[in-house]
């Protein structure tokens, strides 16, 4: 997928929440303003990321990581690093962060668009300024019997968590509406 196709995919996404209507406008605006850097970390304002919300086959659990930076259970995902195929980014990041193999998309369509703040922090001894992640999320599915591994650079635990009690695990309260939105949309697929 090239940048033009990604732009079209985002343009074609039909939001159904006020948050997504507003966030989609930001996506489009920043993609038009920064076409050469929005897919990379070279853009200090914002960059595109691919996120994966991973369900088990029964769709009653999700695979999450205990994220070292945020000190919270969260979904997997990461920087596009120049790749305009954000579904492949979401799958790659999920594999890197959880060790799970044979991930498949439940749908190849975007499940959620979200503008997420990343506050200033140190990574690898270097300060990273506050910026935005333009998260393009997909619903993924994986076998919950497969072995899991942590990625100590980013997380300190990986586990299958029950969907009905996700709010007990995530201390990032701003993420809960996003997770609930994705769960509801995926159950409808």
C-alpha atoms as a PDB file:
ATOM      1  CA  UNK A   1       0.000   0.000   0.000  1.00  0.00           C
ATOM      2  CA  UNK A   2       1.331   3.434  -0.880  1.00  0.00           C
ATOM      3  CA  UNK A   3       0.720   6.756   0.874  1.00  0.00           C
ATOM      4  CA  UNK A   4      -2.055   7.725  -1.550  1.00  0.00           C
ATOM      5  CA  UNK A   5      -3.899   4.449  -0.851  1.00  0.00           C
ATOM      6  CA  UNK A   6      -3.520   4.944   2.897  1.00  0.00           C
ATOM      7  CA  UNK A   7      -4.858   8.498   2.580  1.00  0.00           C
ATOM      8  CA  UNK A   8      -7.835   7.101   0.636  1.00  0.00           C
ATOM      9  CA  UNK A   9      -8.391   4.356   3.241  1.00  0.00           C
ATOM     10  CA  UNK A  10      -8.549   6.978   5.994  1.00  0.00           C
ATOM     11  CA  UNK A  11     -10.752   9.251   3.882  1.00  0.00           C
ATOM     12  CA  UNK A  12     -13.147   6.340   3.308  1.00  0.00           C
ATOM     13  CA  UNK A  13     -13.353   5.495   7.014  1.00  0.00           C
ATOM     14  CA  UNK A  14     -16.836   6.278   8.300  1.00  0.00           C
ATOM     15  CA  UNK A  15     -16.702   7.578  11.878  1.00  0.00           C
ATOM     16  CA  UNK A  16     -19.675   7.069  14.159  1.00  0.00           C
ATOM     17  CA  UNK A  17     -18.552   8.958  17.256  1.00  0.00           C
ATOM     18  CA  UNK A  18     -17.947  12.661  17.778  1.00  0.00           C
ATOM     19  CA  UNK A  19     -14.374  11.828  18.753  1.00  0.00           C
ATOM     20  CA  UNK A  20     -13.710  10.038  15.468  1.00  0.00           C
ATOM     21  CA  UNK A  21     -15.296  12.770  13.350  1.00  0.00           C
ATOM     22  CA  UNK A  22     -12.955  15.280  14.996  1.00  0.00           C
ATOM     23  CA  UNK A  23      -9.916  12.985  14.918  1.00  0.00           C
ATOM     24  CA  UNK A  24     -10.423  12.070  11.255  1.00  0.00           C
ATOM     25  CA  UNK A  25     -10.175  15.772  10.366  1.00  0.00           C
ATOM     26  CA  UNK A  26      -6.847  15.947  12.231  1.00  0.00           C
ATOM     27  CA  UNK A  27      -5.567  12.843  10.416  1.00  0.00           C
ATOM     28  CA  UNK A  28      -6.445  14.286   7.006  1.00  0.00           C
ATOM     29  CA  UNK A  29      -5.068  17.734   7.833  1.00  0.00           C
ATOM     30  CA  UNK A  30      -1.736  16.430   9.132  1.00  0.00           C
ATOM     31  CA  UNK A  31      -1.351  13.930   6.285  1.00  0.00           C
ATOM     32  CA  UNK A  32      -1.853  16.778   3.805  1.00  0.00           C
ATOM     33  CA  UNK A  33       0.512  19.098   5.688  1.00  0.00           C
ATOM     34  CA  UNK A  34       3.302  16.534   6.280  1.00  0.00           C
ATOM     35  CA  UNK A  35       3.115  13.926   3.485  1.00  0.00           C
ATOM     36  CA  UNK A  36       6.873  13.348   3.579  1.00  0.00           C
ATOM     37  CA  UNK A  37       7.269  12.816   7.335  1.00  0.00           C
ATOM     38  CA  UNK A  38       3.918  11.760   8.834  1.00  0.00           C
ATOM     39  CA  UNK A  39       4.901   8.082   8.485  1.00  0.00           C
ATOM     40  CA  UNK A  40       8.157   8.579  10.368  1.00  0.00           C
ATOM     41  CA  UNK A  41       9.390   9.696  13.753  1.00  0.00           C
ATOM     42  CA  UNK A  42      11.165  12.558  11.978  1.00  0.00           C
ATOM     43  CA  UNK A  43       7.923  14.478  12.339  1.00  0.00           C
ATOM     44  CA  UNK A  44       8.135  16.027  15.831  1.00  0.00           C
ATOM     45  CA  UNK A  45       4.430  16.969  15.925  1.00  0.00           C
ATOM     46  CA  UNK A  46       2.663  13.728  15.010  1.00  0.00           C
ATOM     47  CA  UNK A  47       3.178  10.429  13.271  1.00  0.00           C
ATOM     48  CA  UNK A  48       1.048   7.524  12.132  1.00  0.00           C
ATOM     49  CA  UNK A  49       0.988   4.331  14.154  1.00  0.00           C
ATOM     50  CA  UNK A  50      -0.567   0.925  13.685  1.00  0.00           C
ATOM     51  CA  UNK A  51      -2.394  -0.579  16.657  1.00  0.00           C
ATOM     52  CA  UNK A  52      -3.797  -4.051  17.124  1.00  0.00           C
ATOM     53  CA  UNK A  53      -6.542  -5.065  19.511  1.00  0.00           C
ATOM     54  CA  UNK A  54      -6.035  -8.822  19.725  1.00  0.00           C
ATOM     55  CA  UNK A  55      -8.942 -11.152  20.458  1.00  0.00           C
ATOM     56  CA  UNK A  56      -8.902 -14.858  21.204  1.00  0.00           C
ATOM     57  CA  UNK A  57     -11.050 -17.133  18.957  1.00  0.00           C
ATOM     58  CA  UNK A  58     -14.023 -16.975  21.372  1.00  0.00           C
ATOM     59  CA  UNK A  59     -13.716 -13.168  21.461  1.00  0.00           C
ATOM     60  CA  UNK A  60     -14.048 -13.105  25.231  1.00  0.00           C
ATOM     61  CA  UNK A  61     -10.413 -12.189  25.985  1.00  0.00           C
ATOM     62  CA  UNK A  62      -7.869  -9.746  24.629  1.00  0.00           C
ATOM     63  CA  UNK A  63      -4.102 -10.005  24.551  1.00  0.00           C
ATOM     64  CA  UNK A  64      -2.455  -7.048  26.251  1.00  0.00           C
ATOM     65  CA  UNK A  65       0.989  -6.000  27.388  1.00  0.00           C
ATOM     66  CA  UNK A  66       2.001  -4.264  30.586  1.00  0.00           C
ATOM     67  CA  UNK A  67       3.609  -1.216  28.997  1.00  0.00           C
ATOM     68  CA  UNK A  68       6.730   0.017  30.800  1.00  0.00           C
ATOM     69  CA  UNK A  69       6.335   3.669  29.746  1.00  0.00           C
ATOM     70  CA  UNK A  70       2.673   3.998  30.730  1.00  0.00           C
ATOM     71  CA  UNK A  71       2.756   1.529  33.653  1.00  0.00           C
ATOM     72  CA  UNK A  72      -0.539   0.107  32.440  1.00  0.00           C
ATOM     73  CA  UNK A  73      -1.989  -2.823  30.560  1.00  0.00           C
ATOM     74  CA  UNK A  74      -2.490  -1.721  26.979  1.00  0.00           C
ATOM     75  CA  UNK A  75      -2.953  -2.878  23.422  1.00  0.00           C
ATOM     76  CA  UNK A  76      -0.034  -3.497  21.121  1.00  0.00           C
ATOM     77  CA  UNK A  77       1.058  -1.068  18.468  1.00  0.00           C
ATOM     78  CA  UNK A  78       3.827   1.105  17.235  1.00  0.00           C
ATOM     79  CA  UNK A  79       5.345   3.467  14.744  1.00  0.00           C
ATOM     80  CA  UNK A  80       4.875   3.084  11.015  1.00  0.00           C
ATOM     81  CA  UNK A  81       8.585   3.846  10.471  1.00  0.00           C
ATOM     82  CA  UNK A  82       7.924   4.699   6.831  1.00  0.00           C
ATOM     83  CA  UNK A  83       5.506   1.827   6.085  1.00  0.00           C
ATOM     84  CA  UNK A  84       2.138   2.932   4.724  1.00  0.00           C
ATOM     85  CA  UNK A  85       0.533  -0.505   5.258  1.00  0.00           C
ATOM     86  CA  UNK A  86      -0.677   0.111   8.802  1.00  0.00           C
ATOM     87  CA  UNK A  87      -2.318  -3.327   9.086  1.00  0.00           C
ATOM     88  CA  UNK A  88       1.085  -4.951   8.580  1.00  0.00           C
ATOM     89  CA  UNK A  89       2.541  -2.501  11.123  1.00  0.00           C
ATOM     90  CA  UNK A  90      -0.128  -3.507  13.663  1.00  0.00           C
ATOM     91  CA  UNK A  91       0.623  -7.207  13.102  1.00  0.00           C
ATOM     92  CA  UNK A  92       4.397  -6.698  13.231  1.00  0.00           C
ATOM     93  CA  UNK A  93       4.175  -4.725  16.465  1.00  0.00           C
ATOM     94  CA  UNK A  94       1.823  -7.264  18.046  1.00  0.00           C
ATOM     95  CA  UNK A  95       4.243 -10.085  17.239  1.00  0.00           C
ATOM     96  CA  UNK A  96       7.232  -8.104  18.556  1.00  0.00           C
ATOM     97  CA  UNK A  97       5.504  -7.073  21.772  1.00  0.00           C
ATOM     98  CA  UNK A  98       3.766 -10.361  22.655  1.00  0.00           C
ATOM     99  CA  UNK A  99       5.704 -13.112  20.904  1.00  0.00           C
ATOM    100  CA  UNK A 100       2.412 -14.453  19.540  1.00  0.00           C
ATOM    101  CA  UNK A 101       2.497 -15.970  16.053  1.00  0.00           C
ATOM    102  CA  UNK A 102      -0.061 -16.531  13.311  1.00  0.00           C
ATOM    103  CA  UNK A 103      -2.000 -13.331  13.972  1.00  0.00           C
ATOM    104  CA  UNK A 104      -4.757 -12.688  11.482  1.00  0.00           C
ATOM    105  CA  UNK A 105      -6.968  -9.662  10.923  1.00  0.00           C
ATOM    106  CA  UNK A 106     -10.630 -10.170  11.786  1.00  0.00           C
ATOM    107  CA  UNK A 107     -11.181  -7.570   9.078  1.00  0.00           C
ATOM    108  CA  UNK A 108      -8.728  -5.662   6.943  1.00  0.00           C
ATOM    109  CA  UNK A 109     -10.783  -2.514   7.473  1.00  0.00           C
ATOM    110  CA  UNK A 110      -9.772   0.113  10.014  1.00  0.00           C
ATOM    111  CA  UNK A 111     -11.686  -0.515  13.251  1.00  0.00           C
ATOM    112  CA  UNK A 112     -10.786   2.793  14.937  1.00  0.00           C
ATOM    113  CA  UNK A 113      -9.064   6.147  14.294  1.00  0.00           C
ATOM    114  CA  UNK A 114      -7.711   7.905  17.362  1.00  0.00           C
ATOM    115  CA  UNK A 115      -5.435  10.856  18.060  1.00  0.00           C
ATOM    116  CA  UNK A 116      -3.458   9.889  21.158  1.00  0.00           C
ATOM    117  CA  UNK A 117      -1.165  12.160  23.170  1.00  0.00           C
ATOM    118  CA  UNK A 118       2.302  10.912  24.058  1.00  0.00           C
ATOM    119  CA  UNK A 119       3.790  12.987  26.821  1.00  0.00           C
ATOM    120  CA  UNK A 120       7.476  13.837  26.981  1.00  0.00           C
ATOM    121  CA  UNK A 121       9.675  11.017  28.237  1.00  0.00           C
ATOM    122  CA  UNK A 122      13.134   9.507  28.043  1.00  0.00           C
ATOM    123  CA  UNK A 123      13.759   6.549  25.744  1.00  0.00           C
ATOM    124  CA  UNK A 124      17.159   4.932  25.379  1.00  0.00           C
ATOM    125  CA  UNK A 125      18.689   7.817  27.326  1.00  0.00           C
ATOM    126  CA  UNK A 126      17.287  10.452  24.948  1.00  0.00           C
ATOM    127  CA  UNK A 127      14.436  12.876  25.612  1.00  0.00           C
ATOM    128  CA  UNK A 128      11.393  12.493  23.341  1.00  0.00           C
ATOM    129  CA  UNK A 129       9.160  15.593  23.261  1.00  0.00           C
ATOM    130  CA  UNK A 130       5.415  15.466  23.678  1.00  0.00           C
ATOM    131  CA  UNK A 131       3.752  14.599  20.377  1.00  0.00           C
ATOM    132  CA  UNK A 132       0.686  12.887  18.897  1.00  0.00           C
ATOM    133  CA  UNK A 133       0.229   9.336  17.709  1.00  0.00           C
ATOM    134  CA  UNK A 134      -2.285   9.110  14.896  1.00  0.00           C
ATOM    135  CA  UNK A 135      -3.419   5.591  15.714  1.00  0.00           C
ATOM    136  CA  UNK A 136      -4.967   3.450  13.015  1.00  0.00           C
ATOM    137  CA  UNK A 137      -6.334   0.374  14.775  1.00  0.00           C
ATOM    138  CA  UNK A 138      -7.305  -3.070  13.552  1.00  0.00           C
ATOM    139  CA  UNK A 139      -9.002  -6.018  15.205  1.00  0.00           C
ATOM    140  CA  UNK A 140      -6.764  -9.070  15.187  1.00  0.00           C
ATOM    141  CA  UNK A 141      -7.273 -12.669  16.253  1.00  0.00           C
ATOM    142  CA  UNK A 142      -4.794 -15.168  17.684  1.00  0.00           C
ATOM    143  CA  UNK A 143      -4.782 -18.576  19.300  1.00  0.00           C
ATOM    144  CA  UNK A 144      -4.805 -18.061  23.064  1.00  0.00           C
ATOM    145  CA  UNK A 145      -2.988 -21.378  23.592  1.00  0.00           C
ATOM    146  CA  UNK A 146       0.208 -20.197  21.890  1.00  0.00           C
ATOM    147  CA  UNK A 147       3.234 -19.204  23.996  1.00  0.00           C
ATOM    148  CA  UNK A 148       3.782 -15.556  24.863  1.00  0.00           C
ATOM    149  CA  UNK A 149       7.005 -13.639  25.454  1.00  0.00           C
ATOM    150  CA  UNK A 150       7.689 -10.176  26.779  1.00  0.00           C
ATOM    151  CA  UNK A 151       9.727  -7.533  24.973  1.00  0.00           C
ATOM    152  CA  UNK A 152      11.760  -6.071  27.863  1.00  0.00           C
ATOM    153  CA  UNK A 153      12.485  -2.877  25.902  1.00  0.00           C
ATOM    154  CA  UNK A 154       8.784  -2.032  26.017  1.00  0.00           C
ATOM    155  CA  UNK A 155       6.833  -4.264  28.363  1.00  0.00           C
ATOM    156  CA  UNK A 156       7.210  -6.330  31.494  1.00  0.00           C
ATOM    157  CA  UNK A 157       4.282  -8.715  31.072  1.00  0.00           C
ATOM    158  CA  UNK A 158       1.948 -10.151  28.438  1.00  0.00           C
ATOM    159  CA  UNK A 159      -1.393 -11.791  29.235  1.00  0.00           C
ATOM    160  CA  UNK A 160      -4.825 -12.702  27.965  1.00  0.00           C
ATOM    161  CA  UNK A 161      -7.310 -10.555  29.897  1.00  0.00           C
ATOM    162  CA  UNK A 162     -11.091 -10.978  30.141  1.00  0.00           C
ATOM    163  CA  UNK A 163     -12.920  -8.378  28.064  1.00  0.00           C
ATOM    164  CA  UNK A 164     -15.576  -7.771  30.703  1.00  0.00           C
ATOM    165  CA  UNK A 165     -13.016  -6.548  33.225  1.00  0.00           C
ATOM    166  CA  UNK A 166     -10.580  -4.618  31.051  1.00  0.00           C
ATOM    167  CA  UNK A 167     -11.206  -1.455  33.103  1.00  0.00           C
ATOM    168  CA  UNK A 168      -9.651  -3.212  36.121  1.00  0.00           C
ATOM    169  CA  UNK A 169      -6.367  -3.623  34.265  1.00  0.00           C
ATOM    170  CA  UNK A 170      -5.926  -0.399  32.310  1.00  0.00           C
ATOM    171  CA  UNK A 171      -4.884   2.578  34.417  1.00  0.00           C
ATOM    172  CA  UNK A 172      -5.034   4.769  31.299  1.00  0.00           C
ATOM    173  CA  UNK A 173      -8.625   5.914  31.735  1.00  0.00           C
ATOM    174  CA  UNK A 174      -8.569   7.831  28.436  1.00  0.00           C
ATOM    175  CA  UNK A 175      -8.010   4.503  26.611  1.00  0.00           C
ATOM    176  CA  UNK A 176     -11.054   2.720  28.031  1.00  0.00           C
ATOM    177  CA  UNK A 177     -13.600   4.335  25.666  1.00  0.00           C
ATOM    178  CA  UNK A 178     -11.366   3.380  22.731  1.00  0.00           C
ATOM    179  CA  UNK A 179     -11.088  -0.238  23.893  1.00  0.00           C
ATOM    180  CA  UNK A 180     -14.845  -0.433  24.499  1.00  0.00           C
ATOM    181  CA  UNK A 181     -15.533   1.038  21.061  1.00  0.00           C
ATOM    182  CA  UNK A 182     -13.290  -1.562  19.406  1.00  0.00           C
ATOM    183  CA  UNK A 183     -14.789  -4.438  21.404  1.00  0.00           C
ATOM    184  CA  UNK A 184     -18.317  -3.399  20.451  1.00  0.00           C
ATOM    185  CA  UNK A 185     -17.450  -2.964  16.773  1.00  0.00           C
ATOM    186  CA  UNK A 186     -15.578  -6.260  16.602  1.00  0.00           C
ATOM    187  CA  UNK A 187     -18.390  -8.209  18.210  1.00  0.00           C
ATOM    188  CA  UNK A 188     -20.657  -6.845  15.469  1.00  0.00           C
ATOM    189  CA  UNK A 189     -18.398  -8.209  12.692  1.00  0.00           C
END
